[in-house]
């Protein structure tokens, strides 16, 4: 048995430099609803999870960790699984119209899916992908099937 009684991620909190600007991007461009404490922290429902946006120095202090360099790739990507390749293209069309930085346009992938990457205004990587091998239920929950042995 693992260390946690249930395996899940509940909240992903992103430490940000420009809280108001990031809230604007996540609400106006990505369409999330800010349900946090206005001006202090944003909490956005994300299909059974929560995305938090909080001042990165406050987050580092809360975590008891030193504030590190946040330039360049941060070593993680958030992802949205779309129901089709066409939906991926629709999302990227909206992102382009909002002058969002597209780091890798949608394309057919080596693993049989369709995927592209963009960055939020502070350089956090987001992938939008259609994975035809991972079912998505009506509520939008993704299931990763057991890998087949080679």
N, C-alpha and C. Protein backbone atom coordinates (compact mmCIF):
# COMPACT_ATOMS: atom_id res chain seq x y z
N UNK A 1 0.84 -1.18 0.00
CA UNK A 1 0.00 0.00 0.00
C UNK A 1 0.88 1.24 0.00
N UNK A 2 0.49 2.25 -0.78
CA UNK A 2 1.25 3.49 -0.89
C UNK A 2 1.14 4.34 0.35
N UNK A 3 1.86 5.43 0.35
CA UNK A 3 1.88 6.35 1.48
C UNK A 3 0.55 7.09 1.62
N UNK A 4 -0.16 7.29 0.51
CA UNK A 4 -1.44 7.98 0.56
C UNK A 4 -2.56 6.94 0.53
N UNK A 5 -3.63 7.14 1.31
CA UNK A 5 -4.72 6.16 1.31
C UNK A 5 -5.44 6.09 -0.04
N UNK A 6 -5.45 7.19 -0.79
CA UNK A 6 -6.04 7.23 -2.13
C UNK A 6 -5.05 7.95 -3.03
N UNK A 7 -4.80 7.41 -4.21
CA UNK A 7 -3.85 8.04 -5.13
C UNK A 7 -4.59 9.05 -6.01
N UNK A 8 -4.30 10.32 -5.80
CA UNK A 8 -4.90 11.38 -6.61
C UNK A 8 -4.12 12.66 -6.39
N UNK A 9 -4.26 13.57 -7.31
CA UNK A 9 -3.75 14.93 -7.17
C UNK A 9 -4.98 15.80 -7.00
N UNK A 10 -4.99 16.61 -5.96
CA UNK A 10 -6.15 17.45 -5.69
C UNK A 10 -5.96 18.88 -6.19
N UNK A 11 -4.77 19.44 -5.95
CA UNK A 11 -4.50 20.84 -6.31
C UNK A 11 -3.10 20.93 -6.90
N UNK A 12 -2.97 21.66 -7.98
CA UNK A 12 -1.67 22.06 -8.51
C UNK A 12 -1.61 23.57 -8.35
N UNK A 13 -0.68 24.04 -7.53
CA UNK A 13 -0.53 25.48 -7.31
C UNK A 13 0.69 25.95 -8.08
N UNK A 14 0.48 26.96 -8.91
CA UNK A 14 1.55 27.54 -9.72
C UNK A 14 1.98 28.84 -9.06
N UNK A 15 3.26 28.93 -8.71
CA UNK A 15 3.79 30.17 -8.17
C UNK A 15 4.01 31.17 -9.30
N UNK A 16 3.47 32.36 -9.15
CA UNK A 16 3.49 33.35 -10.24
C UNK A 16 4.10 34.67 -9.78
N UNK A 17 4.61 35.43 -10.74
CA UNK A 17 5.16 36.76 -10.45
C UNK A 17 4.09 37.84 -10.56
N UNK A 18 3.25 37.74 -11.58
CA UNK A 18 2.21 38.74 -11.84
C UNK A 18 0.85 38.08 -11.64
N UNK A 19 0.37 38.09 -10.40
CA UNK A 19 -0.87 37.39 -10.07
C UNK A 19 -2.04 37.90 -10.90
N UNK A 20 -2.22 39.21 -10.98
CA UNK A 20 -3.37 39.76 -11.71
C UNK A 20 -3.30 39.38 -13.19
N UNK A 21 -2.12 39.46 -13.79
CA UNK A 21 -1.97 39.11 -15.20
C UNK A 21 -2.23 37.64 -15.45
N UNK A 22 -1.75 36.79 -14.54
CA UNK A 22 -1.95 35.35 -14.71
C UNK A 22 -3.42 34.98 -14.50
N UNK A 23 -4.08 35.61 -13.53
CA UNK A 23 -5.51 35.36 -13.34
C UNK A 23 -6.26 35.77 -14.60
N UNK A 24 -5.90 36.88 -15.18
CA UNK A 24 -6.55 37.35 -16.41
C UNK A 24 -6.36 36.32 -17.53
N UNK A 25 -5.14 35.80 -17.71
CA UNK A 25 -4.90 34.81 -18.75
C UNK A 25 -5.70 33.54 -18.50
N UNK A 26 -5.67 33.03 -17.28
CA UNK A 26 -6.36 31.77 -16.98
C UNK A 26 -7.87 31.91 -17.07
N UNK A 27 -8.40 33.09 -16.79
CA UNK A 27 -9.85 33.27 -16.87
C UNK A 27 -10.28 33.73 -18.26
N UNK A 28 -9.64 34.76 -18.79
CA UNK A 28 -10.07 35.33 -20.07
C UNK A 28 -9.67 34.49 -21.28
N UNK A 29 -8.48 33.90 -21.26
CA UNK A 29 -8.00 33.16 -22.42
C UNK A 29 -8.34 31.67 -22.29
N UNK A 30 -8.03 31.06 -21.13
CA UNK A 30 -8.28 29.62 -20.98
C UNK A 30 -9.69 29.30 -20.52
N UNK A 31 -10.41 30.28 -19.97
CA UNK A 31 -11.81 30.08 -19.62
C UNK A 31 -12.08 29.53 -18.23
N UNK A 32 -11.06 29.47 -17.37
CA UNK A 32 -11.29 29.02 -16.00
C UNK A 32 -12.03 30.10 -15.22
N UNK A 33 -12.73 29.69 -14.17
CA UNK A 33 -13.42 30.63 -13.28
C UNK A 33 -12.61 30.75 -12.00
N UNK A 34 -12.22 31.99 -11.65
CA UNK A 34 -11.49 32.23 -10.40
C UNK A 34 -12.45 32.15 -9.24
N UNK A 35 -12.23 31.18 -8.36
CA UNK A 35 -13.09 31.00 -7.19
C UNK A 35 -12.31 31.22 -5.90
N UNK A 36 -11.17 31.92 -6.02
CA UNK A 36 -10.31 32.14 -4.87
C UNK A 36 -10.62 33.44 -4.15
N UNK A 37 -9.69 33.83 -3.32
CA UNK A 37 -9.79 35.08 -2.57
C UNK A 37 -9.29 36.18 -3.49
N UNK A 38 -10.16 37.02 -3.95
CA UNK A 38 -9.83 38.02 -4.96
C UNK A 38 -8.60 38.84 -4.55
N UNK A 39 -7.64 38.88 -5.45
CA UNK A 39 -6.43 39.65 -5.23
C UNK A 39 -5.37 38.95 -4.41
N UNK A 40 -5.69 37.80 -3.81
CA UNK A 40 -4.73 37.09 -2.96
C UNK A 40 -4.27 35.77 -3.58
N UNK A 41 -5.23 34.98 -4.05
CA UNK A 41 -4.95 33.68 -4.64
C UNK A 41 -6.14 33.31 -5.52
N UNK A 42 -5.85 32.63 -6.63
CA UNK A 42 -6.92 32.14 -7.49
C UNK A 42 -7.00 30.63 -7.34
N UNK A 43 -8.21 30.13 -7.25
CA UNK A 43 -8.48 28.70 -7.28
C UNK A 43 -9.46 28.47 -8.42
N UNK A 44 -9.11 27.59 -9.35
CA UNK A 44 -9.94 27.32 -10.51
C UNK A 44 -10.27 25.84 -10.55
N UNK A 45 -11.57 25.53 -10.61
CA UNK A 45 -11.98 24.14 -10.77
C UNK A 45 -11.47 23.62 -12.11
N UNK A 46 -10.95 22.41 -12.10
CA UNK A 46 -10.37 21.84 -13.32
C UNK A 46 -10.73 20.36 -13.41
N UNK A 47 -12.00 20.08 -13.57
CA UNK A 47 -12.45 18.71 -13.80
C UNK A 47 -12.10 17.74 -12.69
N UNK A 48 -12.41 18.07 -11.47
CA UNK A 48 -12.12 17.19 -10.34
C UNK A 48 -10.82 17.53 -9.64
N UNK A 49 -10.07 18.44 -10.19
CA UNK A 49 -8.84 18.95 -9.57
C UNK A 49 -9.00 20.46 -9.45
N UNK A 50 -8.03 21.09 -8.82
CA UNK A 50 -8.01 22.54 -8.68
C UNK A 50 -6.65 23.05 -9.13
N UNK A 51 -6.66 24.12 -9.91
CA UNK A 51 -5.43 24.83 -10.23
C UNK A 51 -5.41 26.08 -9.38
N UNK A 52 -4.32 26.27 -8.64
CA UNK A 52 -4.14 27.46 -7.83
C UNK A 52 -3.09 28.36 -8.47
N UNK A 53 -3.30 29.66 -8.38
CA UNK A 53 -2.32 30.66 -8.80
C UNK A 53 -2.04 31.52 -7.58
N UNK A 54 -0.75 31.60 -7.18
CA UNK A 54 -0.40 32.31 -5.96
C UNK A 54 0.97 32.95 -6.15
N UNK A 55 1.20 34.05 -5.50
CA UNK A 55 2.49 34.73 -5.56
C UNK A 55 3.59 33.72 -5.23
N UNK A 56 4.61 33.63 -6.13
CA UNK A 56 5.61 32.57 -5.97
C UNK A 56 6.46 32.75 -4.72
N UNK A 57 6.70 33.96 -4.25
CA UNK A 57 7.47 34.12 -3.01
C UNK A 57 6.66 33.66 -1.81
N UNK A 58 5.36 33.90 -1.83
CA UNK A 58 4.49 33.42 -0.75
C UNK A 58 4.38 31.89 -0.77
N UNK A 59 4.32 31.32 -1.98
CA UNK A 59 4.25 29.86 -2.09
C UNK A 59 5.55 29.23 -1.59
N UNK A 60 6.70 29.79 -1.97
CA UNK A 60 7.98 29.26 -1.50
C UNK A 60 8.07 29.34 0.02
N UNK A 61 7.64 30.47 0.58
CA UNK A 61 7.66 30.63 2.04
C UNK A 61 6.73 29.63 2.71
N UNK A 62 5.53 29.45 2.14
CA UNK A 62 4.57 28.51 2.70
C UNK A 62 5.12 27.08 2.67
N UNK A 63 5.88 26.76 1.62
CA UNK A 63 6.45 25.42 1.49
C UNK A 63 7.75 25.26 2.27
N UNK A 64 8.26 26.36 2.83
CA UNK A 64 9.51 26.30 3.57
C UNK A 64 10.70 26.00 2.68
N UNK A 65 10.64 26.51 1.44
CA UNK A 65 11.70 26.25 0.47
C UNK A 65 12.23 27.57 -0.07
N UNK A 66 13.52 27.59 -0.47
CA UNK A 66 14.06 28.82 -1.04
C UNK A 66 13.44 29.09 -2.40
N UNK A 67 13.30 30.36 -2.72
CA UNK A 67 12.77 30.76 -4.02
C UNK A 67 13.86 30.57 -5.06
N UNK A 68 13.60 29.73 -6.06
CA UNK A 68 14.60 29.42 -7.08
C UNK A 68 14.39 30.24 -8.34
N UNK A 69 15.28 30.02 -9.29
CA UNK A 69 15.21 30.68 -10.58
C UNK A 69 14.06 30.07 -11.38
N UNK A 70 13.22 30.90 -11.95
CA UNK A 70 12.07 30.38 -12.71
C UNK A 70 12.19 30.67 -14.20
N UNK A 71 13.40 30.99 -14.69
CA UNK A 71 13.59 31.25 -16.11
C UNK A 71 13.67 29.94 -16.88
N UNK A 72 13.21 29.94 -18.12
CA UNK A 72 13.30 28.76 -18.97
C UNK A 72 12.30 27.68 -18.58
N UNK A 73 12.52 26.49 -19.12
CA UNK A 73 11.62 25.37 -18.86
C UNK A 73 11.68 24.98 -17.39
N UNK A 74 10.54 24.81 -16.78
CA UNK A 74 10.46 24.58 -15.33
C UNK A 74 10.46 23.11 -14.94
N UNK A 75 10.50 22.21 -15.92
CA UNK A 75 10.58 20.79 -15.61
C UNK A 75 9.25 20.11 -15.45
N UNK A 76 8.15 20.77 -15.83
CA UNK A 76 6.84 20.12 -15.79
C UNK A 76 5.95 20.75 -16.86
N UNK A 77 4.93 20.01 -17.23
CA UNK A 77 3.92 20.53 -18.15
C UNK A 77 2.55 20.11 -17.63
N UNK A 78 1.62 21.04 -17.65
CA UNK A 78 0.23 20.73 -17.38
C UNK A 78 -0.37 20.27 -18.70
N UNK A 79 -1.41 19.47 -18.64
CA UNK A 79 -1.97 18.97 -19.89
C UNK A 79 -3.48 18.90 -19.85
N UNK A 80 -4.07 19.10 -21.01
CA UNK A 80 -5.51 18.96 -21.23
C UNK A 80 -5.67 17.92 -22.32
N UNK A 81 -6.43 16.87 -22.04
CA UNK A 81 -6.71 15.87 -23.06
C UNK A 81 -8.03 16.20 -23.73
N UNK A 82 -7.96 16.43 -25.03
CA UNK A 82 -9.13 16.75 -25.83
C UNK A 82 -9.78 15.46 -26.32
N UNK A 83 -11.03 15.58 -26.74
CA UNK A 83 -11.78 14.40 -27.20
C UNK A 83 -11.49 14.06 -28.66
N UNK A 84 -10.82 14.98 -29.39
CA UNK A 84 -10.51 14.73 -30.81
C UNK A 84 -9.37 15.64 -31.25
N UNK A 85 -8.77 15.29 -32.38
CA UNK A 85 -7.73 16.15 -32.97
C UNK A 85 -8.34 17.49 -33.38
N UNK A 86 -9.58 17.46 -33.84
CA UNK A 86 -10.26 18.69 -34.25
C UNK A 86 -10.42 19.64 -33.05
N UNK A 87 -10.71 19.08 -31.88
CA UNK A 87 -10.84 19.91 -30.69
C UNK A 87 -9.49 20.54 -30.34
N UNK A 88 -8.39 19.79 -30.50
CA UNK A 88 -7.05 20.34 -30.28
C UNK A 88 -6.86 21.56 -31.18
N UNK A 89 -7.18 21.41 -32.48
CA UNK A 89 -7.03 22.52 -33.42
C UNK A 89 -7.90 23.71 -33.05
N UNK A 90 -9.13 23.47 -32.59
CA UNK A 90 -10.02 24.56 -32.17
C UNK A 90 -9.40 25.32 -31.00
N UNK A 91 -8.86 24.60 -30.03
CA UNK A 91 -8.25 25.23 -28.86
C UNK A 91 -7.05 26.07 -29.29
N UNK A 92 -6.20 25.53 -30.15
CA UNK A 92 -5.04 26.29 -30.60
C UNK A 92 -5.44 27.50 -31.43
N UNK A 93 -6.54 27.41 -32.16
CA UNK A 93 -7.04 28.58 -32.88
C UNK A 93 -7.40 29.70 -31.92
N UNK A 94 -8.07 29.36 -30.83
CA UNK A 94 -8.42 30.37 -29.82
C UNK A 94 -7.17 30.95 -29.16
N UNK A 95 -6.18 30.07 -28.88
CA UNK A 95 -4.94 30.53 -28.27
C UNK A 95 -4.20 31.49 -29.20
N UNK A 96 -4.15 31.17 -30.48
CA UNK A 96 -3.49 32.04 -31.46
C UNK A 96 -4.19 33.40 -31.53
N UNK A 97 -5.52 33.40 -31.54
CA UNK A 97 -6.26 34.66 -31.60
C UNK A 97 -6.02 35.51 -30.35
N UNK A 98 -5.65 34.87 -29.24
CA UNK A 98 -5.34 35.59 -28.00
C UNK A 98 -3.85 35.91 -27.89
N UNK A 99 -3.10 35.73 -28.98
CA UNK A 99 -1.65 36.00 -29.01
C UNK A 99 -0.88 35.23 -27.95
N UNK A 100 -1.30 34.00 -27.70
CA UNK A 100 -0.61 33.12 -26.76
C UNK A 100 0.63 32.55 -27.43
N UNK A 101 1.71 32.40 -26.68
CA UNK A 101 2.93 31.82 -27.22
C UNK A 101 2.73 30.33 -27.47
N UNK A 102 2.78 29.93 -28.73
CA UNK A 102 2.67 28.52 -29.11
C UNK A 102 4.11 28.01 -29.26
N UNK A 103 4.52 27.12 -28.38
CA UNK A 103 5.90 26.62 -28.43
C UNK A 103 6.05 25.45 -29.39
N UNK A 104 4.97 24.71 -29.62
CA UNK A 104 4.99 23.59 -30.57
C UNK A 104 3.57 23.41 -31.10
N UNK A 105 3.34 23.77 -32.37
CA UNK A 105 1.98 23.67 -32.92
C UNK A 105 1.47 22.22 -32.92
N UNK A 106 0.15 22.05 -32.96
CA UNK A 106 -0.41 20.70 -33.00
C UNK A 106 0.14 19.90 -34.18
N UNK A 107 0.38 18.62 -33.92
CA UNK A 107 0.98 17.74 -34.92
C UNK A 107 0.66 16.29 -34.56
N UNK A 108 0.77 15.41 -35.54
CA UNK A 108 0.64 13.98 -35.27
C UNK A 108 1.89 13.56 -34.50
N UNK A 109 1.69 12.75 -33.47
CA UNK A 109 2.80 12.35 -32.62
C UNK A 109 3.32 10.96 -32.99
N UNK A 110 4.51 10.66 -32.52
CA UNK A 110 5.11 9.35 -32.77
C UNK A 110 4.33 8.23 -32.09
N UNK A 111 3.55 8.55 -31.04
CA UNK A 111 2.83 7.52 -30.28
C UNK A 111 1.40 7.33 -30.77
N UNK A 112 1.02 8.01 -31.86
CA UNK A 112 -0.30 7.78 -32.45
C UNK A 112 -1.36 8.77 -32.06
N UNK A 113 -0.99 9.84 -31.39
CA UNK A 113 -1.95 10.86 -30.99
C UNK A 113 -1.74 12.14 -31.77
N UNK A 114 -2.25 13.23 -31.21
CA UNK A 114 -2.18 14.55 -31.83
C UNK A 114 -1.98 15.54 -30.70
N UNK A 115 -0.95 16.39 -30.78
CA UNK A 115 -0.58 17.17 -29.62
C UNK A 115 0.12 18.47 -30.02
N UNK A 116 0.02 19.47 -29.16
CA UNK A 116 0.76 20.72 -29.29
C UNK A 116 0.99 21.32 -27.92
N UNK A 117 1.90 22.29 -27.85
CA UNK A 117 2.24 22.94 -26.58
C UNK A 117 2.12 24.45 -26.70
N UNK A 118 1.71 25.08 -25.61
CA UNK A 118 1.74 26.53 -25.49
C UNK A 118 2.26 26.88 -24.11
N UNK A 119 2.59 28.14 -23.92
CA UNK A 119 3.06 28.61 -22.61
C UNK A 119 2.14 29.71 -22.12
N UNK A 120 1.85 29.70 -20.81
CA UNK A 120 1.11 30.81 -20.23
C UNK A 120 2.05 32.02 -20.18
N UNK A 121 1.56 33.20 -19.77
CA UNK A 121 2.41 34.39 -19.80
C UNK A 121 3.69 34.32 -18.97
N UNK A 122 3.78 33.40 -18.03
CA UNK A 122 5.00 33.28 -17.24
C UNK A 122 5.83 32.06 -17.63
N UNK A 123 5.51 31.47 -18.77
CA UNK A 123 6.33 30.39 -19.32
C UNK A 123 6.02 28.99 -18.82
N UNK A 124 4.91 28.79 -18.12
CA UNK A 124 4.53 27.44 -17.70
C UNK A 124 3.98 26.69 -18.91
N UNK A 125 4.52 25.51 -19.14
CA UNK A 125 4.15 24.73 -20.33
C UNK A 125 2.81 24.04 -20.14
N UNK A 126 2.00 24.09 -21.19
CA UNK A 126 0.73 23.38 -21.27
C UNK A 126 0.72 22.55 -22.55
N UNK A 127 0.29 21.32 -22.45
CA UNK A 127 0.08 20.48 -23.62
C UNK A 127 -1.42 20.32 -23.82
N UNK A 128 -1.85 20.38 -25.07
CA UNK A 128 -3.21 20.02 -25.43
C UNK A 128 -3.07 18.84 -26.38
N UNK A 129 -3.66 17.71 -26.01
CA UNK A 129 -3.45 16.49 -26.78
C UNK A 129 -4.74 15.70 -26.94
N UNK A 130 -4.79 14.98 -28.05
CA UNK A 130 -5.81 13.95 -28.21
C UNK A 130 -5.07 12.62 -28.20
N UNK A 131 -5.39 11.79 -27.22
CA UNK A 131 -4.80 10.46 -27.11
C UNK A 131 -5.92 9.46 -27.37
N UNK A 132 -5.95 8.86 -28.55
CA UNK A 132 -7.05 7.95 -28.87
C UNK A 132 -7.04 6.66 -28.05
N UNK A 133 -5.99 6.46 -27.26
CA UNK A 133 -5.87 5.23 -26.47
C UNK A 133 -6.32 5.42 -25.02
N UNK A 134 -6.57 6.65 -24.62
CA UNK A 134 -7.01 6.94 -23.25
C UNK A 134 -8.46 7.39 -23.27
N UNK A 135 -9.37 6.60 -22.74
CA UNK A 135 -10.78 6.99 -22.73
C UNK A 135 -11.04 8.20 -21.82
N UNK A 136 -11.98 9.03 -22.25
CA UNK A 136 -12.44 10.18 -21.46
C UNK A 136 -13.93 9.98 -21.22
N UNK A 137 -14.34 9.96 -19.93
CA UNK A 137 -15.77 9.75 -19.64
C UNK A 137 -16.54 11.06 -19.84
N UNK A 138 -17.85 10.99 -19.65
CA UNK A 138 -18.70 12.16 -19.86
C UNK A 138 -18.32 13.33 -18.98
N UNK A 139 -17.79 13.05 -17.78
CA UNK A 139 -17.39 14.11 -16.86
C UNK A 139 -16.02 14.69 -17.22
N UNK A 140 -15.34 14.11 -18.21
CA UNK A 140 -14.04 14.61 -18.61
C UNK A 140 -12.87 13.95 -17.92
N UNK A 141 -13.12 12.90 -17.15
CA UNK A 141 -12.05 12.20 -16.45
C UNK A 141 -11.35 11.23 -17.40
N UNK A 142 -10.03 11.30 -17.40
CA UNK A 142 -9.22 10.44 -18.25
C UNK A 142 -8.86 9.17 -17.50
N UNK A 143 -8.88 8.05 -18.20
CA UNK A 143 -8.43 6.77 -17.64
C UNK A 143 -7.23 6.30 -18.43
N UNK A 144 -6.15 5.98 -17.73
CA UNK A 144 -4.97 5.42 -18.38
C UNK A 144 -5.10 3.91 -18.31
N UNK A 145 -5.26 3.26 -19.46
CA UNK A 145 -5.37 1.80 -19.44
C UNK A 145 -4.03 1.16 -19.09
N UNK A 146 -4.09 -0.07 -18.64
CA UNK A 146 -2.88 -0.82 -18.33
C UNK A 146 -2.06 -0.99 -19.59
N UNK A 147 -0.76 -0.70 -19.51
CA UNK A 147 0.11 -0.82 -20.68
C UNK A 147 0.23 -2.26 -21.10
N UNK A 148 0.27 -2.46 -22.41
CA UNK A 148 0.43 -3.81 -22.96
C UNK A 148 1.92 -4.13 -22.95
N UNK A 149 2.24 -5.38 -22.64
CA UNK A 149 3.63 -5.79 -22.65
C UNK A 149 4.09 -5.94 -24.09
N UNK A 150 5.33 -5.57 -24.36
CA UNK A 150 5.90 -5.66 -25.71
C UNK A 150 6.35 -7.06 -26.01
